[in-house]
Amino acid sequence: MTATGSMLADTSEAHASDHGIPLGEATRIWARVAALSFGGPAGQIAVMHRILVEEKRWIGEERFLHALNYCMLLPGPEAQQLAIYIGWLLHKTRGGLIAGALFILPGFLAILALSYLYVLLGHVPLIEGIFFGLKAAVLAVVVQAVVRVGSRALKNNVMRGIAVAAFVAIFFLNAPFPLIVLAAGIGGYVGGRSGLAQFKGGGGHGPAGDDVVHDRDTALGEALPDHARPNLGWSLRICVILSILWLAPVAGLFLILGPDHVFTHIATFFSQMAVVTFGGAYAVLAYVAQEAVGTFGWLRPGEMLDGLGMAETTPGPLIMVTQFVGFLAAFRDGGMMAPLFAATLGAILTTWVTFVPCFLWIFAGAPFIERLRGNKALSAALTAITAAVVGVIFNLAIWFAIHTLFGQTMAVRSPTGGFDVPIPASVNIAAVVLALAAAIAIFRFKLGVLMVLAGCATLGAIYALAL
């Protein structure tokens, strides 16, 4: 282990904790969870629940959901953060590092390989057809996300009003995503402190069922492990180490390459994203699409859809699509470097600054999680943010629809913002047919996301080869 790794790991940690679960066995289970983590955060959390709670009985239902609620308060991918949290709870710092790293490793390698194929073979008709089909399917998947999250979050007119306001702000006024989240969170917090019934939240991606596994019947048990108790010295030490690992590369790139280099832009933008992206993967995608396409010009709208198709069909968090964004940004603007080498560094840098903060949030806050239990004001803030996220995801669905189903758009601008509208004559009939077929498969026949993506990719390839 490196010196930094030794500092991060607990010196008192043995190969097996008091609960009798060997670290080696836990590592194999986390690798299994990572390999099966398809279908977005809901599917990933369900996989973890089935394996860790129902099958292995390492952790109970109450503790699982308590950890999930904490992760939902944080920016970033809640499924990966939940893996870090449970890994830390079972095997201290080393367990959290292993669980969190394994959760993203398969997706990173898969998307990196697909990114190489994309830039090298992207203009081959077969490859173009596959991604054409994936775009249409992804549009239906995002619409499904709007419906799923909306049905859970918009329980009253106040929540619906927050969602509408968020959509208007981001679509018509080009309001920054962090500002929308901040406004919703403050409003929810005030509403919760005031005791308004409309802000009483709940919900999440958590599983439900009749056969509850109680904490007392699990390997971890009901008692709080000694290492999980608040320890200010350990928390400060881990915060300093992880902050250095996260921010030192950002500062180094700024000083060495200057503020205008693509690597500096990647490091600073995705570091900012790691701090402000509350609300799950699709909210992150809306923010990234807004900035990476509209502000930085790193990629085109259709390419953003292609990247999401990659993330939907590979294991790991959906925000691994950010890796594809960093790959293309560096590939096209890597300076004197060979394009593929620059692109690889861009992908690694994006992944690093996106996910290292996730470890920081968990290790810094998890020992103090009990203080958050039952805090009605914080719960109300999360409820309001979730409602706002519905509006943001709906904006993402509209944005994807415009750029998937139409070949040309027209910008409408005003002093308060602006938006793009499609040109009707540029409609792509084949894309409309595929998107409708994907929507029918998802909503009418309840087919799984992977099956729909595979079917649309196949139909897209057949269509491209037939032209």
Protein backbone atom coordinates (compact mmCIF):
# COMPACT_ATOMS: atom_id res chain seq x y z
CA MET A 1 0.00 0.00 0.00
CA THR A 2 1.23 3.54 -0.73
CA ALA A 3 2.02 6.05 1.98
CA THR A 4 -1.21 7.90 1.27
CA GLY A 5 -3.14 4.64 1.36
CA SER A 6 -1.60 3.82 4.72
CA MET A 7 -2.68 7.19 6.07
CA LEU A 8 -6.22 6.63 4.84
CA ALA A 9 -6.54 3.10 6.17
CA ASP A 10 -7.18 2.36 9.81
CA THR A 11 -4.04 1.06 11.46
CA SER A 12 -6.02 -1.17 13.76
CA GLU A 13 -7.96 -2.82 10.95
CA ALA A 14 -7.59 -6.58 10.61
CA HIS A 15 -8.54 -8.84 7.73
CA ALA A 16 -11.81 -9.58 9.47
CA SER A 17 -13.85 -7.20 11.58
CA ASP A 18 -15.66 -8.08 14.82
CA HIS A 19 -18.74 -9.06 12.82
CA GLY A 20 -16.80 -11.92 11.22
CA ILE A 21 -17.02 -10.80 7.57
CA PRO A 22 -13.55 -11.18 5.99
CA LEU A 23 -12.43 -8.19 3.93
CA GLY A 24 -11.54 -10.51 1.06
CA GLU A 25 -15.08 -11.88 0.90
CA ALA A 26 -16.49 -8.37 1.09
CA THR A 27 -14.24 -7.33 -1.80
CA ARG A 28 -15.61 -10.15 -3.95
CA ILE A 29 -19.17 -9.13 -3.09
CA TRP A 30 -18.48 -5.49 -3.96
CA ALA A 31 -17.03 -6.61 -7.29
CA ARG A 32 -20.24 -8.56 -7.90
CA VAL A 33 -22.37 -5.54 -7.01
CA ALA A 34 -20.34 -3.39 -9.39
CA ALA A 35 -20.72 -5.86 -12.26
CA LEU A 36 -24.52 -5.92 -11.81
CA SER A 37 -25.00 -2.17 -11.32
CA PHE A 38 -27.01 -1.32 -14.42
CA GLY A 39 -30.15 0.74 -14.79
CA GLY A 40 -29.46 3.96 -12.91
CA PRO A 41 -29.51 4.63 -9.16
CA ALA A 42 -32.84 2.88 -8.52
CA GLY A 43 -31.57 -0.35 -10.05
CA GLN A 44 -28.16 -0.07 -8.41
CA ILE A 45 -29.61 0.51 -4.96
CA ALA A 46 -31.98 -2.41 -5.48
CA VAL A 47 -29.00 -4.65 -6.36
CA MET A 48 -27.16 -3.61 -3.20
CA HIS A 49 -30.27 -4.18 -1.09
CA ARG A 50 -30.88 -7.63 -2.55
CA ILE A 51 -27.28 -8.80 -2.07
CA LEU A 52 -26.23 -7.05 1.16
CA VAL A 53 -29.53 -7.06 3.08
CA GLU A 54 -31.62 -9.96 1.77
CA GLU A 55 -29.00 -12.44 0.58
CA LYS A 56 -25.91 -11.90 2.76
CA ARG A 57 -27.71 -10.28 5.74
CA TRP A 58 -24.68 -8.17 6.52
CA ILE A 59 -26.73 -5.05 7.24
CA GLY A 60 -30.38 -4.53 8.20
CA GLU A 61 -33.21 -2.69 6.51
CA GLU A 62 -33.29 0.18 9.01
CA ARG A 63 -29.59 0.90 8.78
CA PHE A 64 -29.59 0.53 4.98
CA LEU A 65 -32.37 3.09 4.56
CA HIS A 66 -30.85 5.42 7.14
CA ALA A 67 -27.58 5.42 5.18
CA LEU A 68 -29.49 5.96 1.93
CA ASN A 69 -31.32 8.97 3.35
CA TYR A 70 -28.00 10.52 4.31
CA CYS A 71 -26.55 9.89 0.85
CA MET A 72 -29.59 11.52 -0.74
CA LEU A 73 -28.75 14.74 1.13
CA LEU A 74 -25.36 14.89 -0.59
CA PRO A 75 -24.31 16.10 -4.03
CA GLY A 76 -23.20 13.39 -6.43
CA PRO A 77 -24.29 9.80 -7.15
CA GLU A 78 -26.17 8.45 -4.15
CA ALA A 79 -25.71 4.80 -5.17
CA GLN A 80 -21.92 5.01 -5.18
CA GLN A 81 -21.93 7.00 -1.96
CA LEU A 82 -24.15 4.36 -0.38
CA ALA A 83 -21.59 1.72 -1.37
CA ILE A 84 -18.82 3.78 0.26
CA TYR A 85 -20.90 4.24 3.40
CA ILE A 86 -21.75 0.56 3.83
CA GLY A 87 -18.20 -0.50 2.95
CA TRP A 88 -16.90 1.87 5.64
CA LEU A 89 -19.48 0.68 8.15
CA LEU A 90 -18.44 -2.95 7.60
CA HIS A 91 -14.65 -2.60 7.23
CA LYS A 92 -13.67 0.90 8.25
CA THR A 93 -11.85 3.27 5.89
CA ARG A 94 -10.30 0.51 3.79
CA GLY A 95 -13.71 -1.06 3.21
CA GLY A 96 -15.16 2.25 2.06
CA LEU A 97 -12.28 2.82 -0.36
CA ILE A 98 -12.65 -0.66 -1.85
CA ALA A 99 -16.44 -0.48 -2.18
CA GLY A 100 -16.43 2.99 -3.74
CA ALA A 101 -13.57 2.31 -6.16
CA LEU A 102 -14.97 -1.03 -7.34
CA PHE A 103 -18.36 0.55 -7.90
CA ILE A 104 -16.98 2.84 -10.62
CA LEU A 105 -14.12 0.76 -12.05
CA PRO A 106 -16.11 -1.50 -14.46
CA GLY A 107 -18.03 1.47 -15.87
CA PHE A 108 -14.87 3.54 -16.26
CA LEU A 109 -13.11 0.82 -18.25
CA ALA A 110 -16.18 0.08 -20.38
CA ILE A 111 -16.87 3.72 -21.27
CA LEU A 112 -13.18 4.34 -21.98
CA ALA A 113 -13.17 1.46 -24.48
CA LEU A 114 -16.42 2.70 -26.06
CA SER A 115 -14.99 6.22 -26.26
CA TYR A 116 -12.02 4.93 -28.26
CA LEU A 117 -14.39 3.16 -30.64
CA TYR A 118 -16.51 6.29 -30.88
CA VAL A 119 -13.73 8.61 -32.04
CA LEU A 120 -12.03 6.00 -34.24
CA LEU A 121 -15.05 4.32 -35.84
CA GLY A 122 -17.87 6.76 -35.18
CA HIS A 123 -18.44 7.48 -38.88
CA VAL A 124 -18.80 3.84 -39.86
CA PRO A 125 -22.48 3.33 -40.84
CA LEU A 126 -22.94 0.40 -38.44
CA ILE A 127 -21.62 2.38 -35.46
CA GLU A 128 -23.62 5.46 -36.46
CA GLY A 129 -26.75 3.32 -36.67
CA ILE A 130 -26.21 1.82 -33.22
CA PHE A 131 -25.88 5.25 -31.62
CA PHE A 132 -28.83 6.55 -33.64
CA GLY A 133 -30.98 3.83 -32.08
CA LEU A 134 -29.55 4.44 -28.61
CA LYS A 135 -30.46 8.14 -28.78
CA ALA A 136 -34.10 7.33 -29.43
CA ALA A 137 -34.17 4.82 -26.57
CA VAL A 138 -32.44 7.22 -24.18
CA LEU A 139 -35.14 9.80 -24.84
CA ALA A 140 -37.79 7.32 -23.66
CA VAL A 141 -35.65 6.41 -20.62
CA VAL A 142 -35.37 10.06 -19.58
CA VAL A 143 -39.15 10.50 -19.95
CA GLN A 144 -39.56 7.44 -17.73
CA ALA A 145 -37.30 9.12 -15.15
CA VAL A 146 -39.51 12.21 -15.19
CA VAL A 147 -42.59 10.07 -14.54
CA ARG A 148 -40.92 7.91 -11.87
CA VAL A 149 -39.41 10.76 -9.88
CA GLY A 150 -42.44 12.99 -10.41
CA SER A 151 -44.87 10.38 -9.10
CA ARG A 152 -42.82 10.13 -5.91
CA ALA A 153 -41.98 13.80 -5.36
CA LEU A 154 -44.97 15.85 -6.54
CA LYS A 155 -47.49 14.93 -3.86
CA ASN A 156 -49.16 18.34 -3.56
CA ASN A 157 -49.56 21.64 -5.39
CA VAL A 158 -46.64 23.28 -3.61
CA MET A 159 -44.26 20.60 -4.87
CA ARG A 160 -45.77 20.82 -8.36
CA GLY A 161 -45.29 24.58 -8.28
CA ILE A 162 -41.62 24.16 -7.35
CA ALA A 163 -41.15 21.74 -10.25
CA VAL A 164 -42.81 24.14 -12.72
CA ALA A 165 -40.76 27.07 -11.43
CA ALA A 166 -37.54 25.05 -11.81
CA PHE A 167 -38.44 24.11 -15.39
CA VAL A 168 -39.25 27.71 -16.35
CA ALA A 169 -36.04 28.95 -14.72
CA ILE A 170 -33.73 26.54 -16.50
CA PHE A 171 -35.51 26.24 -19.87
CA PHE A 172 -36.68 29.79 -20.55
CA LEU A 173 -34.35 31.86 -18.36
CA ASN A 174 -31.15 29.77 -18.56
CA ALA A 175 -30.86 29.92 -14.77
CA PRO A 176 -27.82 28.02 -13.42
CA PHE A 177 -28.64 24.63 -11.95
CA PRO A 178 -26.82 25.35 -8.63
CA LEU A 179 -28.98 28.45 -8.13
CA ILE A 180 -32.16 26.42 -8.68
CA VAL A 181 -31.05 23.81 -6.13
CA LEU A 182 -30.06 26.49 -3.62
CA ALA A 183 -33.38 28.32 -3.94
CA ALA A 184 -35.39 25.09 -3.62
CA GLY A 185 -33.35 23.93 -0.64
CA ILE A 186 -33.75 27.24 1.20
CA GLY A 187 -37.47 27.30 0.50
CA GLY A 188 -37.86 23.72 1.70
CA TYR A 189 -35.81 24.35 4.83
CA VAL A 190 -37.91 27.39 5.74
CA GLY A 191 -41.10 25.46 5.00
CA GLY A 192 -39.94 22.57 7.16
CA ARG A 193 -38.98 24.84 10.06
CA SER A 194 -42.42 26.46 9.78
CA GLY A 195 -44.11 23.08 10.12
CA LEU A 196 -45.98 23.29 6.81
CA ALA A 197 -47.50 19.93 5.91
CA GLN A 198 -46.74 20.38 2.20
CA PHE A 199 -43.01 20.08 2.87
CA LYS A 200 -43.19 16.82 4.76
CA GLY A 201 -41.17 14.52 2.56
CA GLY A 202 -40.17 10.99 2.28
CA GLY A 203 -39.57 8.62 -0.52
CA GLY A 204 -36.44 7.92 -2.35
CA HIS A 205 -35.07 5.05 -4.29
CA GLY A 206 -35.35 2.76 -1.31
CA PRO A 207 -36.79 -0.69 -1.76
CA ALA A 208 -39.98 -1.85 -0.15
CA GLY A 209 -41.26 -5.23 0.80
CA ASP A 210 -43.01 -7.31 3.41
CA ASP A 211 -40.01 -9.38 4.54
CA VAL A 212 -37.99 -6.83 6.50
CA VAL A 213 -34.49 -7.84 7.63
CA HIS A 214 -34.02 -6.26 11.05
CA ASP A 215 -30.64 -4.95 12.19
CA ARG A 216 -30.60 -7.38 15.11
CA ASP A 217 -30.70 -10.34 12.69
CA THR A 218 -27.65 -9.27 10.66
CA ALA A 219 -23.91 -9.72 10.93
CA LEU A 220 -23.39 -6.06 11.84
CA GLY A 221 -26.12 -6.12 14.48
CA GLU A 222 -27.87 -3.19 16.13
CA ALA A 223 -24.92 -1.74 18.02
CA LEU A 224 -22.91 1.09 16.51
CA PRO A 225 -19.37 -0.13 15.68
CA ASP A 226 -16.61 1.62 17.61
CA HIS A 227 -15.06 3.08 14.45
CA ALA A 228 -18.43 4.58 13.43
CA ARG A 229 -18.65 6.80 16.49
CA PRO A 230 -17.78 10.51 16.00
CA ASN A 231 -14.02 11.05 16.18
CA LEU A 232 -13.07 14.64 15.44
CA GLY A 233 -9.38 13.88 15.03
CA TRP A 234 -9.98 11.12 12.46
CA SER A 235 -12.58 13.22 10.62
CA LEU A 236 -10.25 16.21 10.32
CA ARG A 237 -7.37 14.02 9.17
CA ILE A 238 -9.44 12.25 6.51
CA CYS A 239 -10.90 15.56 5.32
CA VAL A 240 -7.45 17.07 4.86
CA ILE A 241 -6.07 14.04 3.00
CA LEU A 242 -9.02 13.71 0.63
CA SER A 243 -9.20 17.46 0.03
CA ILE A 244 -5.54 17.45 -0.99
CA LEU A 245 -6.07 14.44 -3.27
CA TRP A 246 -9.02 16.22 -4.87
CA LEU A 247 -7.88 19.84 -5.10
CA ALA A 248 -4.10 19.59 -5.47
CA PRO A 249 -4.35 18.36 -9.11
CA VAL A 250 -6.81 21.17 -9.85
CA ALA A 251 -4.48 23.81 -8.41
CA GLY A 252 -1.46 22.24 -10.13
CA LEU A 253 -3.12 22.32 -13.54
CA PHE A 254 -4.16 25.94 -12.98
CA LEU A 255 -0.61 26.98 -12.08
CA ILE A 256 1.22 24.91 -14.70
CA LEU A 257 -1.10 25.09 -17.71
CA GLY A 258 -2.93 28.31 -16.97
CA PRO A 259 -6.63 29.06 -16.53
CA ASP A 260 -7.55 28.67 -20.21
CA HIS A 261 -6.21 25.17 -20.87
CA VAL A 262 -8.77 22.43 -21.49
CA PHE A 263 -7.44 20.31 -18.62
CA THR A 264 -7.84 23.25 -16.24
CA HIS A 265 -11.39 23.79 -17.46
CA ILE A 266 -12.19 20.09 -17.02
CA ALA A 267 -10.74 20.00 -13.51
CA THR A 268 -12.48 23.16 -12.30
CA PHE A 269 -15.85 22.49 -13.95
CA PHE A 270 -16.25 18.91 -12.77
CA SER A 271 -14.97 19.84 -9.30
CA GLN A 272 -17.72 22.45 -9.16
CA MET A 273 -20.20 19.86 -10.42
CA ALA A 274 -19.22 17.52 -7.58
CA VAL A 275 -20.24 20.17 -5.06
CA VAL A 276 -23.55 21.43 -6.48
CA THR A 277 -25.18 18.50 -8.27
CA PHE A 278 -27.93 17.43 -5.87
CA GLY A 279 -30.86 15.38 -7.06
CA GLY A 280 -29.45 12.31 -8.77
CA ALA A 281 -27.94 11.36 -12.10
CA TYR A 282 -30.43 13.01 -14.45
CA ALA A 283 -30.16 16.33 -12.67
CA VAL A 284 -26.37 16.07 -13.08
CA LEU A 285 -26.82 15.39 -16.78
CA ALA A 286 -28.99 18.46 -17.21
CA TYR A 287 -26.30 20.61 -15.61
CA VAL A 288 -23.48 19.03 -17.63
CA ALA A 289 -25.45 19.34 -20.87
CA GLN A 290 -26.16 22.99 -20.15
CA GLU A 291 -22.50 23.82 -19.53
CA ALA A 292 -20.48 21.34 -21.60
CA VAL A 293 -22.55 21.88 -24.75
CA GLY A 294 -23.77 25.43 -24.37
CA THR A 295 -20.95 27.16 -22.49
CA PHE A 296 -17.72 25.29 -23.25
CA GLY A 297 -18.65 23.80 -26.63
CA TRP A 298 -16.84 20.57 -25.80
CA LEU A 299 -19.35 18.42 -27.68
CA ARG A 300 -22.58 18.62 -29.66
CA PRO A 301 -26.06 17.78 -28.32
CA GLY A 302 -26.20 14.52 -30.26
CA GLU A 303 -22.86 13.47 -28.79
CA MET A 304 -24.17 14.12 -25.28
CA LEU A 305 -26.95 11.67 -26.08
CA ASP A 306 -24.41 9.16 -27.37
CA GLY A 307 -22.51 9.42 -24.10
CA LEU A 308 -25.66 8.85 -22.09
CA GLY A 309 -26.35 5.78 -24.21
CA MET A 310 -22.92 4.46 -23.23
CA ALA A 311 -23.60 5.12 -19.55
CA GLU A 312 -27.03 3.45 -19.71
CA THR A 313 -25.59 0.26 -21.23
CA THR A 314 -22.57 -0.13 -18.94
CA PRO A 315 -22.35 -0.86 -15.19
CA GLY A 316 -21.79 1.89 -12.68
CA PRO A 317 -23.24 5.37 -12.02
CA LEU A 318 -24.96 7.14 -14.90
CA ILE A 319 -22.81 10.20 -14.30
CA MET A 320 -19.92 8.20 -15.75
CA VAL A 321 -21.12 9.99 -18.91
CA THR A 322 -19.02 12.90 -17.60
CA GLN A 323 -15.98 10.76 -18.38
CA PHE A 324 -17.03 10.72 -22.05
CA VAL A 325 -17.46 14.50 -21.96
CA GLY A 326 -13.93 14.97 -20.60
CA PHE A 327 -12.61 12.45 -23.14
CA LEU A 328 -14.04 14.37 -26.11
CA ALA A 329 -13.05 17.77 -24.70
CA ALA A 330 -9.39 16.74 -24.39
CA PHE A 331 -9.44 14.78 -27.65
CA ARG A 332 -10.38 17.93 -29.57
CA ASP A 333 -8.34 20.48 -27.65
CA GLY A 334 -5.38 18.69 -26.13
CA GLY A 335 -2.76 21.05 -27.49
CA MET A 336 0.52 19.42 -28.51
CA MET A 337 -0.43 16.01 -27.14
CA ALA A 338 -1.51 13.09 -29.30
CA PRO A 339 -5.33 13.27 -29.37
CA LEU A 340 -5.96 9.81 -27.92
CA PHE A 341 -3.39 10.31 -25.17
CA ALA A 342 -4.90 13.68 -24.28
CA ALA A 343 -8.39 12.16 -24.36
CA THR A 344 -7.35 9.36 -21.99
CA LEU A 345 -5.90 11.88 -19.55
CA GLY A 346 -9.08 13.92 -19.86
CA ALA A 347 -11.21 10.88 -19.00
CA ILE A 348 -9.04 10.00 -15.99
CA LEU A 349 -9.00 13.61 -14.75
CA THR A 350 -12.78 13.92 -15.08
CA THR A 351 -13.37 10.70 -13.18
CA TRP A 352 -10.92 11.67 -10.46
CA VAL A 353 -12.39 15.09 -9.66
CA THR A 354 -15.94 13.76 -9.98
CA PHE A 355 -15.66 10.85 -7.56
CA VAL A 356 -12.93 11.70 -5.02
CA PRO A 357 -15.33 14.23 -3.39
CA CYS A 358 -17.83 11.40 -2.88
CA PHE A 359 -15.37 9.70 -0.53
CA LEU A 360 -14.85 13.02 1.25
CA TRP A 361 -18.57 13.58 1.87
CA ILE A 362 -19.03 10.08 3.31
CA PHE A 363 -15.91 9.81 5.45
CA ALA A 364 -16.34 13.33 6.81
CA GLY A 365 -20.04 13.09 7.59
CA ALA A 366 -20.97 9.46 8.21
CA PRO A 367 -19.76 9.34 11.84
CA PHE A 368 -22.08 12.25 12.61
CA ILE A 369 -25.07 10.89 10.70
CA GLU A 370 -27.06 10.25 13.87
CA ARG A 371 -27.37 14.00 14.33
CA LEU A 372 -29.30 14.13 11.05
CA ARG A 373 -31.78 11.44 12.03
CA GLY A 374 -35.28 12.87 12.29
CA ASN A 375 -34.24 16.43 11.35
CA LYS A 376 -37.49 17.67 9.80
CA ALA A 377 -36.03 20.85 8.33
CA LEU A 378 -33.31 19.01 6.43
CA SER A 379 -35.84 16.46 5.23
CA ALA A 380 -38.07 19.27 3.96
CA ALA A 381 -35.12 20.85 2.12
CA LEU A 382 -34.45 17.53 0.40
CA THR A 383 -38.13 17.21 -0.51
CA ALA A 384 -38.15 20.64 -2.16
CA ILE A 385 -34.90 19.92 -4.00
CA THR A 386 -36.34 16.65 -5.31
CA ALA A 387 -39.41 18.52 -6.61
CA ALA A 388 -37.17 21.05 -8.36
CA VAL A 389 -35.19 18.20 -9.87
CA VAL A 390 -38.37 16.94 -11.56
CA GLY A 391 -38.55 20.23 -13.45
CA VAL A 392 -34.84 20.01 -14.31
CA ILE A 393 -35.21 16.45 -15.63
CA PHE A 394 -38.23 17.51 -17.68
CA ASN A 395 -36.05 20.22 -19.19
CA LEU A 396 -33.50 17.51 -20.02
CA ALA A 397 -36.22 15.43 -21.71
CA ILE A 398 -37.32 18.41 -23.83
CA TRP A 399 -33.71 19.20 -24.71
CA PHE A 400 -33.05 15.60 -25.73
CA ALA A 401 -36.28 15.42 -27.73
CA ILE A 402 -35.45 18.56 -29.71
CA HIS A 403 -31.99 17.34 -30.62
CA THR A 404 -32.97 13.71 -31.21
CA LEU A 405 -36.10 14.12 -33.30
CA PHE A 406 -35.16 17.24 -35.28
CA GLY A 407 -32.15 18.03 -37.42
CA GLN A 408 -32.28 21.82 -37.05
CA THR A 409 -33.26 24.28 -34.34
CA MET A 410 -33.80 28.02 -34.10
CA ALA A 411 -32.63 30.07 -31.14
CA VAL A 412 -35.16 32.33 -29.44
CA ARG A 413 -33.47 34.97 -27.30
CA SER A 414 -34.79 37.61 -24.92
CA PRO A 415 -33.29 39.93 -22.28
CA THR A 416 -34.14 37.39 -19.59
CA GLY A 417 -32.71 34.32 -21.33
CA GLY A 418 -33.70 32.19 -24.28
CA PHE A 419 -34.30 28.70 -25.61
CA ASP A 420 -34.11 26.62 -28.77
CA VAL A 421 -37.17 25.60 -30.77
CA PRO A 422 -37.17 22.86 -33.41
CA ILE A 423 -37.76 23.57 -37.09
CA PRO A 424 -40.70 21.28 -38.02
CA ALA A 425 -39.45 20.61 -41.54
CA SER A 426 -36.27 19.02 -40.12
CA VAL A 427 -38.11 16.25 -38.23
CA ASN A 428 -36.47 12.82 -38.48
CA ILE A 429 -39.31 10.34 -39.01
CA ALA A 430 -37.15 7.31 -38.27
CA ALA A 431 -36.07 8.80 -34.93
CA VAL A 432 -39.70 9.55 -34.03
CA VAL A 433 -40.74 5.98 -34.83
CA LEU A 434 -37.90 4.49 -32.78
CA ALA A 435 -38.56 6.80 -29.82
CA LEU A 436 -42.27 5.92 -29.84
CA ALA A 437 -41.43 2.22 -30.03
CA ALA A 438 -39.06 2.59 -27.06
CA ALA A 439 -41.72 4.46 -25.07
CA ILE A 440 -44.34 1.79 -25.80
CA ALA A 441 -41.90 -0.94 -24.78
CA ILE A 442 -41.15 0.81 -21.48
CA PHE A 443 -44.55 2.14 -20.46
CA ARG A 444 -46.93 -0.38 -22.05
CA PHE A 445 -44.99 -3.65 -21.93
CA LYS A 446 -42.77 -2.78 -18.93
CA LEU A 447 -39.60 -4.01 -20.63
CA GLY A 448 -36.29 -3.45 -18.90
CA VAL A 449 -34.04 -0.56 -19.87
CA LEU A 450 -31.22 -2.79 -21.14
CA MET A 451 -33.60 -4.76 -23.35
CA VAL A 452 -35.06 -1.55 -24.82
CA LEU A 453 -31.61 -0.07 -25.43
CA ALA A 454 -30.40 -3.26 -27.11
CA GLY A 455 -33.51 -3.47 -29.29
CA CYS A 456 -33.29 0.15 -30.43
CA ALA A 457 -29.56 -0.14 -31.09
CA THR A 458 -30.21 -3.20 -33.27
CA LEU A 459 -33.01 -1.45 -35.18
CA GLY A 460 -30.84 1.62 -35.62
CA ALA A 461 -28.02 -0.48 -37.06
CA ILE A 462 -30.39 -2.22 -39.48
CA TYR A 463 -31.80 1.16 -40.56
CA ALA A 464 -28.34 2.64 -41.14
CA LEU A 465 -27.15 -0.34 -43.18
CA ALA A 466 -30.34 -0.30 -45.27
CA LEU A 467 -29.83 3.31 -46.37
